[in-house]
Amino acid sequence: MITWIHTGYSTFISPDSGLNWALTVITLTVLMRILIFPLFLKQMRSSKKMQELAPKIQELRKRYKNDKQRMNQEVMRVYQEGGANPLGGCLPILAQFPIFISMFTVLNAMAHGQPKFGMTQELVDNARDAHIFGAPFPATFFTSDLDIAKYGADPVLAKIVLVLFVAISSLTTFLTVRQSVTRSMAQMPDNPMAQQQKILMYISPLFAVFSLNFPLGLILYWVTTNVWTLGQQHWFYSRNPMPQFDAKGNLIPPKPPASLLSRFRKTKETAEEPVAAPPEPKVVRQQPTRQSRSKRTGSKKS
């Protein structure tokens, strides 16, 4: 896949250009995420069903708070009857593991100048000569200054770029987890796992530190997939607001989201609607008071 995509971009971009290799990694990442998009939808729909079952789960936890085994059995029964899968969130992550391992293996072979996995020596040399913002494409943060200099790059600038990419990876990881945890806690404020979710939200960005040992191309893949996940979640959450319940705990059917076309029409109608002129003030005519006969004639009543 890398060879095909790189060859396609090489028709109008230099083969050893950092832009070429950056676009190759980004395009490959987007294609892979499109392929596993059905798994993401399955994950989010399962999560939505779990949110809809939240009142029943809370009731079961209160009823069987002294019997953990019975509570877990009843909770799983409710999930099965409602068609929710608590492990559904693992599907996209499991699907990305082979992609991540493959990318790491291929880029690591490029870093060592090894033409493996169907790559030619020319392609490997192009990757080793490519620089992204001054950092060599196959370099890691722990690559020696001498080896970075062999790539024709400034070691200090290269490591600054690598740290910035790792920082962006850490930030996007935090925002992705925070988006999910915030929605979960808003739906179930008394969730016993809420504290663990908060801890996970603040610990997860630290895992990005381990990517300092990854080649720059792999870090770019990780940043791209994080941004894609963040956008996917925002898109799904905006179209599927949190379920609302009445006083009896029954689900209130959500209103269908307004389409983009209807929003455009509404905006256009509002813009074209003429501004009503202010009403003109009413003219009140005061009628003269009718005088009595004695006043009109000037005579006195005897």
C-alpha atoms as a PDB file:
ATOM      1  CA  MET A   1       0.000   0.000   0.000  1.00  0.00           C
ATOM      2  CA  ILE A   2       2.811   2.418   0.883  1.00  0.00           C
ATOM      3  CA  THR A   3       4.545   1.662  -2.414  1.00  0.00           C
ATOM      4  CA  TRP A   4       1.411   2.232  -4.483  1.00  0.00           C
ATOM      5  CA  ILE A   5       0.438   5.477  -2.741  1.00  0.00           C
ATOM      6  CA  HIS A   6       3.986   6.853  -2.871  1.00  0.00           C
ATOM      7  CA  THR A   7       4.254   6.005  -6.561  1.00  0.00           C
ATOM      8  CA  GLY A   8       1.006   7.836  -7.232  1.00  0.00           C
ATOM      9  CA  TYR A   9       2.169  11.013  -5.476  1.00  0.00           C
ATOM     10  CA  SER A  10       5.574  10.747  -7.187  1.00  0.00           C
ATOM     11  CA  THR A  11       3.918  11.600 -10.510  1.00  0.00           C
ATOM     12  CA  PHE A  12       3.733  15.260  -9.447  1.00  0.00           C
ATOM     13  CA  ILE A  13       5.830  15.453  -6.226  1.00  0.00           C
ATOM     14  CA  SER A  14       9.510  14.604  -5.846  1.00  0.00           C
ATOM     15  CA  PRO A  15       9.909  10.988  -4.592  1.00  0.00           C
ATOM     16  CA  ASP A  16      12.302  11.995  -1.797  1.00  0.00           C
ATOM     17  CA  SER A  17      10.187  14.983  -0.696  1.00  0.00           C
ATOM     18  CA  GLY A  18       8.953  15.147   2.887  1.00  0.00           C
ATOM     19  CA  LEU A  19       5.581  16.318   1.549  1.00  0.00           C
ATOM     20  CA  ASN A  20       5.326  13.176  -0.563  1.00  0.00           C
ATOM     21  CA  TRP A  21       5.974  10.863   2.381  1.00  0.00           C
ATOM     22  CA  ALA A  22       3.741  12.843   4.735  1.00  0.00           C
ATOM     23  CA  LEU A  23       0.861  12.612   2.246  1.00  0.00           C
ATOM     24  CA  THR A  24       1.600   8.906   1.781  1.00  0.00           C
ATOM     25  CA  VAL A  25       1.255   8.204   5.514  1.00  0.00           C
ATOM     26  CA  ILE A  26      -1.821  10.434   5.904  1.00  0.00           C
ATOM     27  CA  THR A  27      -3.538   8.868   2.873  1.00  0.00           C
ATOM     28  CA  LEU A  28      -2.767   5.353   4.092  1.00  0.00           C
ATOM     29  CA  THR A  29      -4.139   6.220   7.543  1.00  0.00           C
ATOM     30  CA  VAL A  30      -7.355   7.679   6.119  1.00  0.00           C
ATOM     31  CA  LEU A  31      -7.893   4.630   3.903  1.00  0.00           C
ATOM     32  CA  MET A  32      -7.409   2.280   6.854  1.00  0.00           C
ATOM     33  CA  ARG A  33      -9.816   4.283   9.018  1.00  0.00           C
ATOM     34  CA  ILE A  34     -12.426   4.243   6.255  1.00  0.00           C
ATOM     35  CA  LEU A  35     -12.129   0.448   6.107  1.00  0.00           C
ATOM     36  CA  ILE A  36     -12.788   0.073   9.853  1.00  0.00           C
ATOM     37  CA  PHE A  37     -15.479   2.773   9.917  1.00  0.00           C
ATOM     38  CA  PRO A  38     -18.274   0.121  10.177  1.00  0.00           C
ATOM     39  CA  LEU A  39     -16.617  -1.120  13.389  1.00  0.00           C
ATOM     40  CA  PHE A  40     -16.676   2.431  14.742  1.00  0.00           C
ATOM     41  CA  LEU A  41     -20.403   2.729  14.005  1.00  0.00           C
ATOM     42  CA  LYS A  42     -21.015  -0.600  15.713  1.00  0.00           C
ATOM     43  CA  GLN A  43     -19.042   0.585  18.731  1.00  0.00           C
ATOM     44  CA  MET A  44     -20.918   3.895  19.007  1.00  0.00           C
ATOM     45  CA  ARG A  45     -24.343   2.302  18.525  1.00  0.00           C
ATOM     46  CA  SER A  46     -23.558  -0.192  21.262  1.00  0.00           C
ATOM     47  CA  SER A  47     -22.474   2.700  23.489  1.00  0.00           C
ATOM     48  CA  LYS A  48     -25.715   4.529  22.684  1.00  0.00           C
ATOM     49  CA  LYS A  49     -27.795   1.481  23.674  1.00  0.00           C
ATOM     50  CA  MET A  50     -25.879   1.273  26.946  1.00  0.00           C
ATOM     51  CA  GLN A  51     -26.750   4.909  27.645  1.00  0.00           C
ATOM     52  CA  GLU A  52     -30.411   4.216  26.920  1.00  0.00           C
ATOM     53  CA  LEU A  53     -30.302   1.340  29.434  1.00  0.00           C
ATOM     54  CA  ALA A  54     -28.607   3.521  32.073  1.00  0.00           C
ATOM     55  CA  PRO A  55     -31.748   4.047  34.269  1.00  0.00           C
ATOM     56  CA  LYS A  56     -32.355   0.274  34.471  1.00  0.00           C
ATOM     57  CA  ILE A  57     -28.700  -0.342  35.306  1.00  0.00           C
ATOM     58  CA  GLN A  58     -28.776   2.284  38.057  1.00  0.00           C
ATOM     59  CA  GLU A  59     -31.889   0.689  39.525  1.00  0.00           C
ATOM     60  CA  LEU A  60     -30.221  -2.744  39.518  1.00  0.00           C
ATOM     61  CA  ARG A  61     -27.137  -1.369  41.236  1.00  0.00           C
ATOM     62  CA  LYS A  62     -29.253   0.102  44.004  1.00  0.00           C
ATOM     63  CA  ARG A  63     -31.314  -3.062  44.372  1.00  0.00           C
ATOM     64  CA  TYR A  64     -28.370  -5.477  44.501  1.00  0.00           C
ATOM     65  CA  LYS A  65     -25.713  -3.230  46.015  1.00  0.00           C
ATOM     66  CA  ASN A  66     -25.020  -5.873  48.694  1.00  0.00           C
ATOM     67  CA  ASP A  67     -24.838  -8.763  46.212  1.00  0.00           C
ATOM     68  CA  LYS A  68     -22.173  -8.037  43.584  1.00  0.00           C
ATOM     69  CA  GLN A  69     -22.487 -11.369  41.811  1.00  0.00           C
ATOM     70  CA  ARG A  70     -26.267 -11.086  41.391  1.00  0.00           C
ATOM     71  CA  MET A  71     -25.904  -7.453  40.303  1.00  0.00           C
ATOM     72  CA  ASN A  72     -23.386  -8.365  37.574  1.00  0.00           C
ATOM     73  CA  GLN A  73     -25.646 -11.171  36.337  1.00  0.00           C
ATOM     74  CA  GLU A  74     -28.670  -8.879  36.133  1.00  0.00           C
ATOM     75  CA  VAL A  75     -26.678  -6.115  34.434  1.00  0.00           C
ATOM     76  CA  MET A  76     -25.401  -8.517  31.767  1.00  0.00           C
ATOM     77  CA  ARG A  77     -28.925  -9.834  31.266  1.00  0.00           C
ATOM     78  CA  VAL A  78     -30.254  -6.307  30.657  1.00  0.00           C
ATOM     79  CA  TYR A  79     -27.419  -5.609  28.210  1.00  0.00           C
ATOM     80  CA  GLN A  80     -28.101  -8.820  26.289  1.00  0.00           C
ATOM     81  CA  GLU A  81     -31.845  -8.154  26.084  1.00  0.00           C
ATOM     82  CA  GLY A  82     -31.204  -4.564  24.980  1.00  0.00           C
ATOM     83  CA  GLY A  83     -28.670  -5.588  22.331  1.00  0.00           C
ATOM     84  CA  ALA A  84     -25.779  -3.691  23.957  1.00  0.00           C
ATOM     85  CA  ASN A  85     -22.233  -5.041  24.061  1.00  0.00           C
ATOM     86  CA  PRO A  86     -19.972  -3.550  26.785  1.00  0.00           C
ATOM     87  CA  LEU A  87     -16.914  -4.881  24.921  1.00  0.00           C
ATOM     88  CA  GLY A  88     -17.945  -3.283  21.626  1.00  0.00           C
ATOM     89  CA  GLY A  89     -15.592  -0.361  22.233  1.00  0.00           C
ATOM     90  CA  CYS A  90     -12.594  -2.665  21.828  1.00  0.00           C
ATOM     91  CA  LEU A  91     -13.343  -3.529  18.197  1.00  0.00           C
ATOM     92  CA  PRO A  92     -11.753  -0.458  16.507  1.00  0.00           C
ATOM     93  CA  ILE A  93      -8.725  -0.671  18.799  1.00  0.00           C
ATOM     94  CA  LEU A  94      -8.183  -4.366  18.055  1.00  0.00           C
ATOM     95  CA  ALA A  95      -8.570  -3.701  14.333  1.00  0.00           C
ATOM     96  CA  GLN A  96      -5.860  -1.021  14.442  1.00  0.00           C
ATOM     97  CA  PHE A  97      -3.244  -3.200  16.144  1.00  0.00           C
ATOM     98  CA  PRO A  98      -2.223  -5.109  12.972  1.00  0.00           C
ATOM     99  CA  ILE A  99      -2.050  -1.807  11.059  1.00  0.00           C
ATOM    100  CA  PHE A 100       0.088  -0.188  13.756  1.00  0.00           C
ATOM    101  CA  ILE A 101       2.456  -3.169  14.021  1.00  0.00           C
ATOM    102  CA  SER A 102       2.776  -3.326  10.221  1.00  0.00           C
ATOM    103  CA  MET A 103       3.556   0.397   9.973  1.00  0.00           C
ATOM    104  CA  PHE A 104       6.149   0.120  12.743  1.00  0.00           C
ATOM    105  CA  THR A 105       7.818  -2.896  11.093  1.00  0.00           C
ATOM    106  CA  VAL A 106       7.954  -1.290   7.632  1.00  0.00           C
ATOM    107  CA  LEU A 107       9.181   2.107   8.819  1.00  0.00           C
ATOM    108  CA  ASN A 108      11.732   0.493  11.123  1.00  0.00           C
ATOM    109  CA  ALA A 109      13.097  -1.470   8.162  1.00  0.00           C
ATOM    110  CA  MET A 110      13.317   1.800   6.188  1.00  0.00           C
ATOM    111  CA  ALA A 111      15.208   3.435   9.043  1.00  0.00           C
ATOM    112  CA  HIS A 112      17.810   0.676   8.877  1.00  0.00           C
ATOM    113  CA  GLY A 113      18.020   0.852   5.071  1.00  0.00           C
ATOM    114  CA  GLN A 114      16.529  -2.626   4.577  1.00  0.00           C
ATOM    115  CA  PRO A 115      14.406  -3.117   1.415  1.00  0.00           C
ATOM    116  CA  LYS A 116      11.907  -5.595   2.883  1.00  0.00           C
ATOM    117  CA  PHE A 117       8.193  -6.317   2.416  1.00  0.00           C
ATOM    118  CA  GLY A 118       8.159  -5.660  -1.324  1.00  0.00           C
ATOM    119  CA  MET A 119      10.020  -2.336  -1.106  1.00  0.00           C
ATOM    120  CA  THR A 120      12.857  -1.501  -3.458  1.00  0.00           C
ATOM    121  CA  GLN A 121      16.180  -0.037  -2.413  1.00  0.00           C
ATOM    122  CA  GLU A 122      15.277   3.134  -4.314  1.00  0.00           C
ATOM    123  CA  LEU A 123      12.094   3.546  -2.274  1.00  0.00           C
ATOM    124  CA  VAL A 124      13.995   3.042   0.985  1.00  0.00           C
ATOM    125  CA  ASP A 125      16.603   5.605  -0.050  1.00  0.00           C
ATOM    126  CA  ASN A 126      13.845   8.102  -0.916  1.00  0.00           C
ATOM    127  CA  ALA A 127      12.339   7.668   2.546  1.00  0.00           C
ATOM    128  CA  ARG A 128      15.708   8.114   4.260  1.00  0.00           C
ATOM    129  CA  ASP A 129      16.330  11.322   2.297  1.00  0.00           C
ATOM    130  CA  ALA A 130      12.880  12.785   3.090  1.00  0.00           C
ATOM    131  CA  HIS A 131      12.611  15.516   5.732  1.00  0.00           C
ATOM    132  CA  ILE A 132       9.374  16.692   7.377  1.00  0.00           C
ATOM    133  CA  PHE A 133       9.859  20.202   8.792  1.00  0.00           C
ATOM    134  CA  GLY A 134      13.589  19.479   8.979  1.00  0.00           C
ATOM    135  CA  ALA A 135      13.307  16.061  10.709  1.00  0.00           C
ATOM    136  CA  PRO A 136      14.268  12.878   8.829  1.00  0.00           C
ATOM    137  CA  PHE A 137      11.291  10.666   8.048  1.00  0.00           C
ATOM    138  CA  PRO A 138      12.778   7.467   9.594  1.00  0.00           C
ATOM    139  CA  ALA A 139      14.437   9.155  12.616  1.00  0.00           C
ATOM    140  CA  THR A 140      13.381   8.759  16.259  1.00  0.00           C
ATOM    141  CA  PHE A 141      14.022  11.061  19.215  1.00  0.00           C
ATOM    142  CA  PHE A 142      16.714   8.688  20.468  1.00  0.00           C
ATOM    143  CA  THR A 143      18.500   8.488  17.118  1.00  0.00           C
ATOM    144  CA  SER A 144      22.056   9.696  17.674  1.00  0.00           C
ATOM    145  CA  ASP A 145      23.032  13.151  16.492  1.00  0.00           C
ATOM    146  CA  LEU A 146      25.628  11.590  14.213  1.00  0.00           C
ATOM    147  CA  ASP A 147      23.037   9.406  12.455  1.00  0.00           C
ATOM    148  CA  ILE A 148      20.652  12.361  12.091  1.00  0.00           C
ATOM    149  CA  ALA A 149      23.497  14.366  10.561  1.00  0.00           C
ATOM    150  CA  LYS A 150      24.019  11.520   8.081  1.00  0.00           C
ATOM    151  CA  TYR A 151      20.439  12.127   6.921  1.00  0.00           C
ATOM    152  CA  GLY A 152      21.491  15.698   6.142  1.00  0.00           C
ATOM    153  CA  ALA A 153      19.439  17.239   8.970  1.00  0.00           C
ATOM    154  CA  ASP A 154      20.196  19.441  11.964  1.00  0.00           C
ATOM    155  CA  PRO A 155      20.015  17.192  15.081  1.00  0.00           C
ATOM    156  CA  VAL A 156      18.619  19.924  17.356  1.00  0.00           C
ATOM    157  CA  LEU A 157      15.895  20.980  14.902  1.00  0.00           C
ATOM    158  CA  ALA A 158      15.017  17.336  14.186  1.00  0.00           C
ATOM    159  CA  LYS A 159      14.502  16.537  17.872  1.00  0.00           C
ATOM    160  CA  ILE A 160      12.436  19.680  18.422  1.00  0.00           C
ATOM    161  CA  VAL A 161      10.152  18.630  15.543  1.00  0.00           C
ATOM    162  CA  LEU A 162       9.868  15.100  16.953  1.00  0.00           C
ATOM    163  CA  VAL A 163       8.941  16.446  20.411  1.00  0.00           C
ATOM    164  CA  LEU A 164       6.293  18.733  18.870  1.00  0.00           C
ATOM    165  CA  PHE A 165       4.738  15.824  16.978  1.00  0.00           C
ATOM    166  CA  VAL A 166       4.693  13.731  20.181  1.00  0.00           C
ATOM    167  CA  ALA A 167       3.082  16.647  22.046  1.00  0.00           C
ATOM    168  CA  ILE A 168       0.364  16.904  19.369  1.00  0.00           C
ATOM    169  CA  SER A 169      -0.168  13.149  19.622  1.00  0.00           C
ATOM    170  CA  SER A 170      -0.522  13.439  23.406  1.00  0.00           C
ATOM    171  CA  LEU A 171      -2.955  16.371  23.135  1.00  0.00           C
ATOM    172  CA  THR A 172      -5.181  14.673  20.557  1.00  0.00           C
ATOM    173  CA  THR A 173      -5.225  11.499  22.682  1.00  0.00           C
ATOM    174  CA  PHE A 174      -6.355  13.515  25.715  1.00  0.00           C
ATOM    175  CA  LEU A 175      -9.077  15.357  23.773  1.00  0.00           C
ATOM    176  CA  THR A 176     -10.401  12.096  22.310  1.00  0.00           C
ATOM    177  CA  VAL A 177     -10.623  10.357  25.696  1.00  0.00           C
ATOM    178  CA  ARG A 178     -12.005  13.503  27.379  1.00  0.00           C
ATOM    179  CA  GLN A 179     -14.767  13.794  24.780  1.00  0.00           C
ATOM    180  CA  SER A 180     -15.887  10.231  25.469  1.00  0.00           C
ATOM    181  CA  VAL A 181     -15.518  10.323  29.268  1.00  0.00           C
ATOM    182  CA  THR A 182     -17.342  13.654  29.613  1.00  0.00           C
ATOM    183  CA  ARG A 183     -20.347  12.298  27.739  1.00  0.00           C
ATOM    184  CA  SER A 184     -20.327   9.086  29.770  1.00  0.00           C
ATOM    185  CA  MET A 185     -20.180  10.934  33.099  1.00  0.00           C
ATOM    186  CA  ALA A 186     -22.941  13.337  32.065  1.00  0.00           C
ATOM    187  CA  GLN A 187     -25.187  10.374  31.295  1.00  0.00           C
ATOM    188  CA  MET A 188     -24.330   8.375  34.449  1.00  0.00           C
ATOM    189  CA  PRO A 189     -23.061  10.742  37.179  1.00  0.00           C
ATOM    190  CA  ASP A 190     -23.240   8.012  39.852  1.00  0.00           C
ATOM    191  CA  ASN A 191     -21.285   5.504  37.793  1.00  0.00           C
ATOM    192  CA  PRO A 192     -18.888   3.658  40.151  1.00  0.00           C
ATOM    193  CA  MET A 193     -16.301   3.640  37.343  1.00  0.00           C
ATOM    194  CA  ALA A 194     -16.379   7.439  37.022  1.00  0.00           C
ATOM    195  CA  GLN A 195     -13.226   7.957  39.093  1.00  0.00           C
ATOM    196  CA  GLN A 196     -11.332   5.336  37.084  1.00  0.00           C
ATOM    197  CA  GLN A 197     -12.461   7.016  33.870  1.00  0.00           C
ATOM    198  CA  LYS A 198     -11.150  10.363  35.123  1.00  0.00           C
ATOM    199  CA  ILE A 199      -7.809   8.781  35.968  1.00  0.00           C
ATOM    200  CA  LEU A 200      -7.669   7.165  32.522  1.00  0.00           C
ATOM    201  CA  MET A 201      -8.434  10.514  30.906  1.00  0.00           C
ATOM    202  CA  TYR A 202      -5.339  12.100  32.479  1.00  0.00           C
ATOM    203  CA  ILE A 203      -3.049   9.075  32.208  1.00  0.00           C
ATOM    204  CA  SER A 204      -3.742   8.193  28.562  1.00  0.00           C
ATOM    205  CA  PRO A 205      -1.756  11.164  27.127  1.00  0.00           C
ATOM    206  CA  LEU A 206       1.327   9.912  28.977  1.00  0.00           C
ATOM    207  CA  PHE A 207       1.418   6.829  26.752  1.00  0.00           C
ATOM    208  CA  ALA A 208       2.317   9.140  23.882  1.00  0.00           C
ATOM    209  CA  VAL A 209       5.715   9.602  25.556  1.00  0.00           C
ATOM    210  CA  PHE A 210       6.594   6.052  24.486  1.00  0.00           C
ATOM    211  CA  SER A 211       6.254   7.196  20.875  1.00  0.00           C
ATOM    212  CA  LEU A 212       9.536   9.092  21.296  1.00  0.00           C
ATOM    213  CA  ASN A 213      11.116   5.773  20.335  1.00  0.00           C
ATOM    214  CA  PHE A 214       9.022   5.542  17.144  1.00  0.00           C
ATOM    215  CA  PRO A 215      10.087   6.809  13.704  1.00  0.00           C
ATOM    216  CA  LEU A 216       8.644  10.170  12.691  1.00  0.00           C
ATOM    217  CA  GLY A 217       6.518   8.506  10.019  1.00  0.00           C
ATOM    218  CA  LEU A 218       4.827   6.324  12.643  1.00  0.00           C
ATOM    219  CA  ILE A 219       4.204   9.315  14.936  1.00  0.00           C
ATOM    220  CA  LEU A 220       2.590  11.075  11.970  1.00  0.00           C
ATOM    221  CA  TYR A 221       0.332   8.045  11.529  1.00  0.00           C
ATOM    222  CA  TRP A 222      -0.649   8.192  15.201  1.00  0.00           C
ATOM    223  CA  VAL A 223      -1.433  11.926  15.059  1.00  0.00           C
ATOM    224  CA  THR A 224      -3.552  11.432  11.924  1.00  0.00           C
ATOM    225  CA  THR A 225      -5.558   8.566  13.418  1.00  0.00           C
ATOM    226  CA  ASN A 226      -6.148  10.569  16.634  1.00  0.00           C
ATOM    227  CA  VAL A 227      -7.454  13.569  14.690  1.00  0.00           C
ATOM    228  CA  TRP A 228      -9.675  11.249  12.643  1.00  0.00           C
ATOM    229  CA  THR A 229     -11.077   9.621  15.809  1.00  0.00           C
ATOM    230  CA  LEU A 230     -11.733  13.020  17.395  1.00  0.00           C
ATOM    231  CA  GLY A 231     -13.636  14.180  14.317  1.00  0.00           C
ATOM    232  CA  GLN A 232     -15.598  10.905  14.073  1.00  0.00           C
ATOM    233  CA  GLN A 233     -16.727  11.128  17.688  1.00  0.00           C
ATOM    234  CA  HIS A 234     -17.752  14.766  17.340  1.00  0.00           C
ATOM    235  CA  TRP A 235     -19.750  13.914  14.195  1.00  0.00           C
ATOM    236  CA  PHE A 236     -21.536  11.011  15.874  1.00  0.00           C
ATOM    237  CA  TYR A 237     -22.258  12.861  19.137  1.00  0.00           C
ATOM    238  CA  SER A 238     -23.638  15.882  17.278  1.00  0.00           C
ATOM    239  CA  ARG A 239     -26.051  13.654  15.350  1.00  0.00           C
ATOM    240  CA  ASN A 240     -26.914  11.468  18.340  1.00  0.00           C
ATOM    241  CA  PRO A 241     -27.482  13.594  21.453  1.00  0.00           C
ATOM    242  CA  MET A 242     -27.623  11.968  24.861  1.00  0.00           C
ATOM    243  CA  PRO A 243     -30.909  10.130  25.502  1.00  0.00           C
ATOM    244  CA  GLN A 244     -33.492  11.908  27.653  1.00  0.00           C
ATOM    245  CA  PHE A 245     -35.861  10.194  30.082  1.00  0.00           C
ATOM    246  CA  ASP A 246     -39.167  11.178  31.645  1.00  0.00           C
ATOM    247  CA  ALA A 247     -40.010  11.051  35.360  1.00  0.00           C
ATOM    248  CA  LYS A 248     -40.797   7.306  35.131  1.00  0.00           C
ATOM    249  CA  GLY A 249     -37.477   6.509  33.471  1.00  0.00           C
ATOM    250  CA  ASN A 250     -38.967   5.911  30.030  1.00  0.00           C
ATOM    251  CA  LEU A 251     -36.918   6.934  27.018  1.00  0.00           C
ATOM    252  CA  ILE A 252     -38.108  10.100  25.283  1.00  0.00           C
ATOM    253  CA  PRO A 253     -37.860   9.667  21.486  1.00  0.00           C
ATOM    254  CA  PRO A 254     -35.238  12.117  20.205  1.00  0.00           C
ATOM    255  CA  LYS A 255     -36.066  14.665  17.569  1.00  0.00           C
ATOM    256  CA  PRO A 256     -34.551  13.900  14.163  1.00  0.00           C
ATOM    257  CA  PRO A 257     -31.490  16.087  13.524  1.00  0.00           C
ATOM    258  CA  ALA A 258     -31.967  18.886  11.053  1.00  0.00           C
ATOM    259  CA  SER A 259     -30.311  18.256   7.720  1.00  0.00           C
ATOM    260  CA  LEU A 260     -27.679  20.577   6.323  1.00  0.00           C
ATOM    261  CA  LEU A 261     -30.025  21.551   3.489  1.00  0.00           C
ATOM    262  CA  SER A 262     -32.811  22.518   5.886  1.00  0.00           C
ATOM    263  CA  ARG A 263     -30.401  24.612   7.940  1.00  0.00           C
ATOM    264  CA  PHE A 264     -29.260  26.389   4.787  1.00  0.00           C
ATOM    265  CA  ARG A 265     -32.833  27.083   3.744  1.00  0.00           C
ATOM    266  CA  LYS A 266     -33.706  28.411   7.187  1.00  0.00           C
ATOM    267  CA  THR A 267     -30.682  30.705   7.161  1.00  0.00           C
ATOM    268  CA  LYS A 268     -31.521  31.930   3.654  1.00  0.00           C
ATOM    269  CA  GLU A 269     -35.166  32.605   4.514  1.00  0.00           C
ATOM    270  CA  THR A 270     -34.118  34.519   7.613  1.00  0.00           C
ATOM    271  CA  ALA A 271     -31.694  36.605   5.576  1.00  0.00           C
ATOM    272  CA  GLU A 272     -34.231  37.373   2.837  1.00  0.00           C
ATOM    273  CA  GLU A 273     -37.132  38.131   5.166  1.00  0.00           C
ATOM    274  CA  PRO A 274     -37.907  41.875   4.885  1.00  0.00           C
ATOM    275  CA  VAL A 275     -37.579  43.930   7.990  1.00  0.00           C
ATOM    276  CA  ALA A 276     -40.998  45.117   9.108  1.00  0.00           C
ATOM    277  CA  ALA A 277     -41.359  48.879   9.267  1.00  0.00           C
ATOM    278  CA  PRO A 278     -42.167  50.306  12.692  1.00  0.00           C
ATOM    279  CA  PRO A 279     -45.891  51.102  13.115  1.00  0.00           C
ATOM    280  CA  GLU A 280     -46.857  54.712  12.546  1.00  0.00           C
ATOM    281  CA  PRO A 281     -48.086  56.543  15.647  1.00  0.00           C
ATOM    282  CA  LYS A 282     -51.866  56.881  15.815  1.00  0.00           C
ATOM    283  CA  VAL A 283     -53.233  60.425  15.585  1.00  0.00           C
ATOM    284  CA  VAL A 284     -55.771  60.996  18.325  1.00  0.00           C
ATOM    285  CA  ARG A 285     -58.205  63.820  17.475  1.00  0.00           C
ATOM    286  CA  GLN A 286     -59.644  65.581  20.466  1.00  0.00           C
ATOM    287  CA  GLN A 287     -63.297  66.525  20.017  1.00  0.00           C
ATOM    288  CA  PRO A 288     -64.347  69.910  21.473  1.00  0.00           C
ATOM    289  CA  THR A 289     -66.395  69.637  24.641  1.00  0.00           C
ATOM    290  CA  ARG A 290     -70.059  70.552  24.123  1.00  0.00           C
ATOM    291  CA  GLN A 291     -70.990  73.585  26.241  1.00  0.00           C
ATOM    292  CA  SER A 292     -74.306  74.035  27.945  1.00  0.00           C
ATOM    293  CA  ARG A 293     -76.870  76.506  26.577  1.00  0.00           C
ATOM    294  CA  SER A 294     -76.340  78.966  29.363  1.00  0.00           C
ATOM    295  CA  LYS A 295     -72.624  79.123  28.704  1.00  0.00           C
ATOM    296  CA  ARG A 296     -73.101  79.575  24.984  1.00  0.00           C
ATOM    297  CA  THR A 297     -75.568  82.502  25.439  1.00  0.00           C
ATOM    298  CA  GLY A 298     -73.760  83.965  28.393  1.00  0.00           C
ATOM    299  CA  SER A 299     -77.010  84.138  30.431  1.00  0.00           C
ATOM    300  CA  LYS A 300     -77.307  83.093  34.052  1.00  0.00           C
ATOM    301  CA  LYS A 301     -79.780  80.544  35.200  1.00  0.00           C
ATOM    302  CA  SER A 302     -82.176  82.126  37.589  1.00  0.00           C
END
